Amino acid sequence: MYHPTIFFDPQFTLAVMVGWVLTLAGAALLLVASLWYSCAGEWRRGRPAPGAFRGLVTLGTLAWAGGLLWQFVGYFASGSLSW
């Protein structure tokens, strides 16, 4: 299987792949939050959600969006994409 030389570039690894891992971590946190929401029955019925749940959802959303933004900026910074 052929891999372009860009995958061996350390700038590309820091600029893009770290953002990719951060995006996956955010998606995993949101998946854990969705499992928690589907298993918890007492606070779904009108009571406010626990602070830990809200924090998990916020952290997962910020990690996912931050990783996506990191990738976009990294592609332009490494020279892989240009207008």
Protein backbone atom coordinates (compact mmCIF):
# COMPACT_ATOMS: atom_id res chain seq x y z
CA MET A 1 0.00 0.00 0.00
CA TYR A 2 1.42 3.37 -1.00
CA HIS A 3 1.52 6.17 1.58
CA PRO A 4 2.45 9.65 0.47
CA THR A 5 5.44 11.19 2.17
CA ILE A 6 3.23 13.73 3.95
CA PHE A 7 2.39 11.12 6.59
CA PHE A 8 6.06 11.02 7.60
CA ASP A 9 6.22 14.79 8.06
CA PRO A 10 6.27 15.72 11.78
CA GLN A 11 4.53 19.05 11.10
CA PHE A 12 1.63 17.24 9.45
CA THR A 13 1.43 14.82 12.36
CA LEU A 14 1.17 17.62 14.92
CA ALA A 15 -0.97 19.85 12.73
CA VAL A 16 -3.55 17.32 11.59
CA MET A 17 -3.33 13.97 13.34
CA VAL A 18 -3.52 15.44 16.86
CA GLY A 19 -6.75 17.15 15.85
CA TRP A 20 -8.03 13.86 14.47
CA VAL A 21 -7.33 12.11 17.79
CA LEU A 22 -9.00 14.97 19.68
CA THR A 23 -12.07 14.66 17.44
CA LEU A 24 -12.26 10.92 18.14
CA ALA A 25 -11.89 11.52 21.89
CA GLY A 26 -14.73 14.06 21.78
CA ALA A 27 -16.93 11.60 19.90
CA ALA A 28 -16.15 8.91 22.50
CA LEU A 29 -17.09 11.28 25.34
CA LEU A 30 -20.38 12.09 23.61
CA LEU A 31 -21.04 8.39 23.14
CA VAL A 32 -20.47 7.79 26.86
CA ALA A 33 -22.82 10.69 27.64
CA SER A 34 -25.50 9.24 25.37
CA LEU A 35 -25.21 5.84 27.07
CA TRP A 36 -25.47 7.52 30.46
CA TYR A 37 -28.56 9.42 29.31
CA SER A 38 -30.26 6.29 28.01
CA CYS A 39 -29.53 4.34 31.22
CA ALA A 40 -30.57 7.08 33.67
CA GLY A 41 -34.29 7.16 34.08
CA GLU A 42 -34.88 9.25 37.18
CA TRP A 43 -33.62 12.66 36.04
CA ARG A 44 -34.89 12.49 32.46
CA ARG A 45 -38.44 13.04 33.67
CA GLY A 46 -38.41 16.71 34.51
CA ARG A 47 -35.52 17.01 36.93
CA PRO A 48 -32.36 18.80 35.85
CA ALA A 49 -29.46 16.66 34.72
CA PRO A 50 -26.52 16.19 37.10
CA GLY A 51 -23.62 18.59 36.75
CA ALA A 52 -21.25 15.77 35.84
CA PHE A 53 -23.47 14.82 32.89
CA ARG A 54 -23.67 18.40 31.66
CA GLY A 55 -19.91 18.72 32.06
CA LEU A 56 -19.34 15.51 30.09
CA VAL A 57 -21.54 16.72 27.25
CA THR A 58 -19.82 20.13 27.23
CA LEU A 59 -16.35 18.60 27.30
CA GLY A 60 -17.22 16.14 24.53
CA THR A 61 -18.70 18.85 22.32
CA LEU A 62 -15.74 21.18 22.85
CA ALA A 63 -13.23 18.38 22.19
CA TRP A 64 -15.02 17.30 19.02
CA ALA A 65 -15.38 20.83 17.63
CA GLY A 66 -11.88 21.81 18.76
CA GLY A 67 -10.37 18.75 17.07
CA LEU A 68 -12.22 19.50 13.87
CA LEU A 69 -11.01 23.10 13.92
CA TRP A 70 -7.48 21.92 14.74
CA GLN A 71 -7.56 19.70 11.64
CA PHE A 72 -8.77 22.48 9.35
CA VAL A 73 -6.11 24.88 10.59
CA GLY A 74 -3.50 22.12 10.46
CA TYR A 75 -4.23 21.27 6.84
CA PHE A 76 -3.70 24.89 5.83
CA ALA A 77 -0.65 25.35 8.09
CA SER A 78 1.09 22.23 6.77
CA GLY A 79 0.49 23.27 3.17
CA SER A 80 -1.69 20.27 2.38
CA LEU A 81 -4.60 22.51 1.43
CA SER A 82 -4.73 25.95 -0.07
CA TRP A 83 -7.31 28.13 -1.70
